[in-house]
Amino acid sequence: MSAEQTHVQDAAARHLQPFPHSLPAILTRAREVVMARVRPTLRTYDLTEPQWRVLRTLGSVEEITVTHLATLVVLLPSSLSRILRDLSERGLIQRRTSDLDLRQGLLSVSDDGMALIETIAPEAARVSSEIETLYGAERMARLRSMLEELEQSLGWTQPEL
């Protein structure tokens, strides 16, 4: 490495926050402390976090394409494919091919999947309420709004359900 490259790297490093104070680290820790309260409920029903995201999303739509679902639940198609296979084998979702485009897969939640969502929903709502009580409803609303503004500022557009 040249002396000039070293100088540029040193200058950049001086302007970096220590990693524990960086935005990615703070967001990761916040996600982990929130999910630590959610995971026990999911474990009770033998669900992973991504499986729950998929089920909750499918529970709020009539039918959706695989591609659109991947965007909504923030999963890579390869990871989503594995999750869909598992949920399908458990009878929690239904898959079919689009009549208009045979290359396009369509997904919906099954009756068993909806029943599972309805079973878990009260506990999930209790956990959300507990977090909101600890943090404060007004602060939670501001935090959600600020995070959505951050997403928009960085170019993320939330797809429609």
Foldseek 3Di string as FASTA:
>chain_A
DDPVVVVVVVVVVVPDDPVCPDPVNVVVVVVVVLVVLVVVLCVVVPHDPLLVLLLVVLLVDAKDWLVLSCQQSVHDSVVSVVSVVVCVVVVQKDWDADPVDRVIIMIHGGPVNNVVCVVSVVVVVVSVVVVCVVVPVVVVVVVVVVVVVVCVVVPDDNDDD
